[in-house]
């Protein structure tokens, strides 16, 4: 079985693509925010109403981020007890 290797990510291309997506969302009165969750290091994307500033949708949802953190902590405890 041949494994697929991913090409290195070009930060400039990511920045350009992000800017284009943000511009598209602004035309529909939505803002797109990309950020790194400080506690997990995961990428979080928020769709925000441009007029009210309200978060319409977040990917992954906050509950999923916290659940993943909890599972990682539980996994660490289990592995720590086995060692």
C-alpha atoms as a PDB file:
ATOM      1  CA  UNK A   1       0.000   0.000   0.000  1.00  0.00           C
ATOM      2  CA  UNK A   2       1.406   3.372  -1.022  1.00  0.00           C
ATOM      3  CA  UNK A   3       1.246   6.070   1.618  1.00  0.00           C
ATOM      4  CA  UNK A   4       0.336   9.535   0.519  1.00  0.00           C
ATOM      5  CA  UNK A   5       2.726  12.229   1.702  1.00  0.00           C
ATOM      6  CA  UNK A   6       1.489  15.753   2.111  1.00  0.00           C
ATOM      7  CA  UNK A   7       3.417  18.656   0.680  1.00  0.00           C
ATOM      8  CA  UNK A   8       4.677  21.221   3.185  1.00  0.00           C
ATOM      9  CA  UNK A   9       2.228  24.026   3.880  1.00  0.00           C
ATOM     10  CA  UNK A  10       3.216  27.391   2.446  1.00  0.00           C
ATOM     11  CA  UNK A  11       2.258  30.032   5.062  1.00  0.00           C
ATOM     12  CA  UNK A  12       1.810  32.723   2.382  1.00  0.00           C
ATOM     13  CA  UNK A  13      -0.666  30.558   0.442  1.00  0.00           C
ATOM     14  CA  UNK A  14      -2.611  29.865   3.650  1.00  0.00           C
ATOM     15  CA  UNK A  15      -2.701  33.590   4.479  1.00  0.00           C
ATOM     16  CA  UNK A  16      -3.842  34.462   0.933  1.00  0.00           C
ATOM     17  CA  UNK A  17      -6.553  31.790   0.963  1.00  0.00           C
ATOM     18  CA  UNK A  18      -7.738  32.924   4.399  1.00  0.00           C
ATOM     19  CA  UNK A  19      -7.965  36.538   3.215  1.00  0.00           C
ATOM     20  CA  UNK A  20      -9.999  35.513   0.135  1.00  0.00           C
ATOM     21  CA  UNK A  21     -12.462  33.501   2.231  1.00  0.00           C
ATOM     22  CA  UNK A  22     -12.811  36.399   4.691  1.00  0.00           C
ATOM     23  CA  UNK A  23     -13.543  38.795   1.806  1.00  0.00           C
ATOM     24  CA  UNK A  24     -16.207  36.434   0.455  1.00  0.00           C
ATOM     25  CA  UNK A  25     -17.898  36.219   3.855  1.00  0.00           C
ATOM     26  CA  UNK A  26     -17.905  40.008   4.216  1.00  0.00           C
ATOM     27  CA  UNK A  27     -20.029  40.280   1.083  1.00  0.00           C
ATOM     28  CA  UNK A  28     -22.742  38.256   2.830  1.00  0.00           C
ATOM     29  CA  UNK A  29     -22.432  40.284   6.052  1.00  0.00           C
ATOM     30  CA  UNK A  30     -20.523  37.544   7.809  1.00  0.00           C
ATOM     31  CA  UNK A  31     -17.016  37.626   9.161  1.00  0.00           C
ATOM     32  CA  UNK A  32     -14.810  34.593   9.415  1.00  0.00           C
ATOM     33  CA  UNK A  33     -12.330  34.414  12.254  1.00  0.00           C
ATOM     34  CA  UNK A  34      -9.476  31.919  12.405  1.00  0.00           C
ATOM     35  CA  UNK A  35      -7.751  31.435  15.738  1.00  0.00           C
ATOM     36  CA  UNK A  36      -5.868  28.887  17.754  1.00  0.00           C
ATOM     37  CA  UNK A  37      -7.531  27.645  20.927  1.00  0.00           C
ATOM     38  CA  UNK A  38      -4.976  28.537  23.621  1.00  0.00           C
ATOM     39  CA  UNK A  39      -5.553  25.483  25.797  1.00  0.00           C
ATOM     40  CA  UNK A  40      -5.644  22.805  23.079  1.00  0.00           C
ATOM     41  CA  UNK A  41      -3.660  24.375  20.249  1.00  0.00           C
ATOM     42  CA  UNK A  42      -6.423  23.400  17.810  1.00  0.00           C
ATOM     43  CA  UNK A  43      -7.568  25.624  14.947  1.00  0.00           C
ATOM     44  CA  UNK A  44     -10.992  27.158  15.586  1.00  0.00           C
ATOM     45  CA  UNK A  45     -13.069  28.871  12.901  1.00  0.00           C
ATOM     46  CA  UNK A  46     -15.915  31.186  13.905  1.00  0.00           C
ATOM     47  CA  UNK A  47     -18.607  32.580  11.605  1.00  0.00           C
ATOM     48  CA  UNK A  48     -19.633  35.972  13.011  1.00  0.00           C
ATOM     49  CA  UNK A  49     -22.564  38.227  12.135  1.00  0.00           C
ATOM     50  CA  UNK A  50     -20.896  41.415  10.865  1.00  0.00           C
ATOM     51  CA  UNK A  51     -23.584  43.715  12.259  1.00  0.00           C
ATOM     52  CA  UNK A  52     -24.149  42.276  15.739  1.00  0.00           C
ATOM     53  CA  UNK A  53     -20.771  40.624  16.348  1.00  0.00           C
ATOM     54  CA  UNK A  54     -22.608  37.459  17.436  1.00  0.00           C
ATOM     55  CA  UNK A  55     -20.937  34.111  16.777  1.00  0.00           C
ATOM     56  CA  UNK A  56     -23.279  32.238  14.450  1.00  0.00           C
ATOM     57  CA  UNK A  57     -21.257  29.056  14.264  1.00  0.00           C
ATOM     58  CA  UNK A  58     -17.955  27.764  15.541  1.00  0.00           C
ATOM     59  CA  UNK A  59     -16.025  24.844  14.116  1.00  0.00           C
ATOM     60  CA  UNK A  60     -15.303  22.768  16.098  1.00  0.00           C
ATOM     61  CA  UNK A  61     -17.944  23.745  18.662  1.00  0.00           C
ATOM     62  CA  UNK A  62     -16.653  24.791  22.089  1.00  0.00           C
ATOM     63  CA  UNK A  63     -18.179  21.689  23.664  1.00  0.00           C
ATOM     64  CA  UNK A  64     -16.185  19.437  21.316  1.00  0.00           C
ATOM     65  CA  UNK A  65     -12.929  21.233  22.149  1.00  0.00           C
ATOM     66  CA  UNK A  66     -13.523  20.785  25.877  1.00  0.00           C
ATOM     67  CA  UNK A  67     -14.606  17.152  25.401  1.00  0.00           C
ATOM     68  CA  UNK A  68     -11.410  16.400  23.457  1.00  0.00           C
ATOM     69  CA  UNK A  69      -9.345  18.026  26.217  1.00  0.00           C
ATOM     70  CA  UNK A  70     -11.148  15.943  28.835  1.00  0.00           C
ATOM     71  CA  UNK A  71     -10.568  12.737  26.863  1.00  0.00           C
ATOM     72  CA  UNK A  72      -6.876  13.575  26.492  1.00  0.00           C
ATOM     73  CA  UNK A  73      -6.633  14.133  30.243  1.00  0.00           C
ATOM     74  CA  UNK A  74      -8.393  10.836  30.939  1.00  0.00           C
ATOM     75  CA  UNK A  75      -6.099   9.054  28.516  1.00  0.00           C
ATOM     76  CA  UNK A  76      -3.089  10.553  30.303  1.00  0.00           C
ATOM     77  CA  UNK A  77      -4.395   9.356  33.657  1.00  0.00           C
ATOM     78  CA  UNK A  78      -4.998   5.862  32.330  1.00  0.00           C
ATOM     79  CA  UNK A  79      -1.579   5.640  30.741  1.00  0.00           C
ATOM     80  CA  UNK A  80       0.019   7.100  33.839  1.00  0.00           C
ATOM     81  CA  UNK A  81      -1.586   4.441  36.030  1.00  0.00           C
ATOM     82  CA  UNK A  82      -0.444   1.617  33.763  1.00  0.00           C
ATOM     83  CA  UNK A  83       3.203   2.689  33.715  1.00  0.00           C
END
